[in-house]
Amino acid sequence: MKTNRARIIQLIHIAKSQMGMDTDTYRQMLLSITGKTST
C-alpha cells in the first residue's frame, strides 16, 4: 500500500500530465509555491 505522501505525489504528476505542463514550467510552479523545484 502506498503512503499518503506517495499517493499525493502520484496525483500531482497525473495532473501535470493532464494539463500538458512541461518539466520547466512544472518546476517553476513548484518553486513559486513551495520554494523547492522537485517533489
N, C-alpha and C. Protein backbone atom coordinates (compact mmCIF):
# COMPACT_ATOMS: atom_id res chain seq x y z
N MET A 1 0.84 -1.18 0.00
CA MET A 1 0.00 0.00 0.00
C MET A 1 0.88 1.25 0.00
N LYS A 2 0.55 2.20 -0.84
CA LYS A 2 1.33 3.43 -0.93
C LYS A 2 1.04 4.33 0.26
N THR A 3 2.07 5.05 0.65
CA THR A 3 1.87 6.02 1.72
C THR A 3 1.05 7.18 1.17
N ASN A 4 0.48 7.93 2.07
CA ASN A 4 -0.32 9.08 1.68
C ASN A 4 0.51 10.07 0.86
N ARG A 5 1.76 10.31 1.29
CA ARG A 5 2.65 11.23 0.57
C ARG A 5 2.91 10.73 -0.84
N ALA A 6 3.19 9.45 -0.98
CA ALA A 6 3.46 8.88 -2.31
C ALA A 6 2.24 9.01 -3.21
N ARG A 7 1.07 8.81 -2.66
CA ARG A 7 -0.17 8.92 -3.44
C ARG A 7 -0.40 10.37 -3.89
N ILE A 8 -0.14 11.31 -3.01
CA ILE A 8 -0.31 12.73 -3.37
C ILE A 8 0.66 13.11 -4.48
N ILE A 9 1.91 12.67 -4.37
CA ILE A 9 2.90 12.95 -5.42
C ILE A 9 2.47 12.34 -6.74
N GLN A 10 1.95 11.12 -6.69
CA GLN A 10 1.45 10.46 -7.90
C GLN A 10 0.33 11.29 -8.54
N LEU A 11 -0.59 11.77 -7.74
CA LEU A 11 -1.70 12.58 -8.26
C LEU A 11 -1.21 13.91 -8.84
N ILE A 12 -0.20 14.49 -8.23
CA ILE A 12 0.38 15.73 -8.77
C ILE A 12 0.95 15.48 -10.15
N HIS A 13 1.66 14.37 -10.33
CA HIS A 13 2.25 14.06 -11.63
C HIS A 13 1.18 13.73 -12.67
N ILE A 14 0.11 13.10 -12.26
CA ILE A 14 -1.00 12.83 -13.18
C ILE A 14 -1.61 14.15 -13.64
N ALA A 15 -1.85 15.06 -12.71
CA ALA A 15 -2.43 16.37 -13.06
C ALA A 15 -1.49 17.14 -13.98
N LYS A 16 -0.19 17.09 -13.70
CA LYS A 16 0.80 17.75 -14.55
C LYS A 16 0.69 17.25 -15.98
N SER A 17 0.58 15.95 -16.15
CA SER A 17 0.46 15.36 -17.48
C SER A 17 -0.85 15.75 -18.14
N GLN A 18 -1.93 15.72 -17.39
CA GLN A 18 -3.24 16.06 -17.96
C GLN A 18 -3.30 17.52 -18.40
N MET A 19 -2.55 18.39 -17.74
CA MET A 19 -2.52 19.80 -18.12
C MET A 19 -1.53 20.08 -19.24
N GLY A 20 -0.75 19.07 -19.61
CA GLY A 20 0.23 19.25 -20.66
C GLY A 20 1.39 20.14 -20.25
N MET A 21 1.71 20.13 -18.97
CA MET A 21 2.74 21.01 -18.44
C MET A 21 4.13 20.39 -18.68
N ASP A 22 5.05 21.18 -19.25
CA ASP A 22 6.40 20.67 -19.44
C ASP A 22 7.17 20.74 -18.11
N THR A 23 8.32 20.08 -18.09
CA THR A 23 9.09 19.97 -16.85
C THR A 23 9.54 21.33 -16.32
N ASP A 24 10.00 22.20 -17.20
CA ASP A 24 10.46 23.52 -16.75
C ASP A 24 9.33 24.32 -16.11
N THR A 25 8.16 24.30 -16.73
CA THR A 25 7.01 25.02 -16.18
C THR A 25 6.59 24.42 -14.84
N TYR A 26 6.57 23.10 -14.77
CA TYR A 26 6.22 22.39 -13.54
C TYR A 26 7.16 22.77 -12.40
N ARG A 27 8.45 22.76 -12.69
CA ARG A 27 9.44 23.09 -11.65
C ARG A 27 9.33 24.55 -11.22
N GLN A 28 9.04 25.44 -12.17
CA GLN A 28 8.86 26.86 -11.83
C GLN A 28 7.63 27.05 -10.94
N MET A 29 6.56 26.31 -11.25
CA MET A 29 5.35 26.38 -10.43
C MET A 29 5.65 25.88 -9.01
N LEU A 30 6.35 24.75 -8.91
CA LEU A 30 6.70 24.22 -7.59
C LEU A 30 7.54 25.22 -6.81
N LEU A 31 8.51 25.83 -7.48
CA LEU A 31 9.38 26.80 -6.82
C LEU A 31 8.59 27.98 -6.29
N SER A 32 7.65 28.47 -7.08
CA SER A 32 6.87 29.64 -6.64
C SER A 32 5.92 29.31 -5.50
N ILE A 33 5.46 28.06 -5.44
CA ILE A 33 4.50 27.67 -4.40
C ILE A 33 5.20 27.17 -3.14
N THR A 34 6.23 26.33 -3.33
CA THR A 34 6.84 25.65 -2.18
C THR A 34 8.25 26.09 -1.85
N GLY A 35 8.90 26.78 -2.79
CA GLY A 35 10.30 27.14 -2.58
C GLY A 35 11.24 26.01 -2.95
N LYS A 36 10.71 24.92 -3.51
CA LYS A 36 11.51 23.77 -3.94
C LYS A 36 11.22 23.49 -5.40
N THR A 37 12.18 22.82 -6.08
CA THR A 37 11.99 22.55 -7.51
C THR A 37 11.65 21.10 -7.82
N SER A 38 11.49 20.29 -6.79
CA SER A 38 11.09 18.90 -7.03
C SER A 38 10.26 18.38 -5.87
N THR A 39 9.49 17.33 -6.16
CA THR A 39 8.69 16.72 -5.12
C THR A 39 9.56 15.75 -4.38
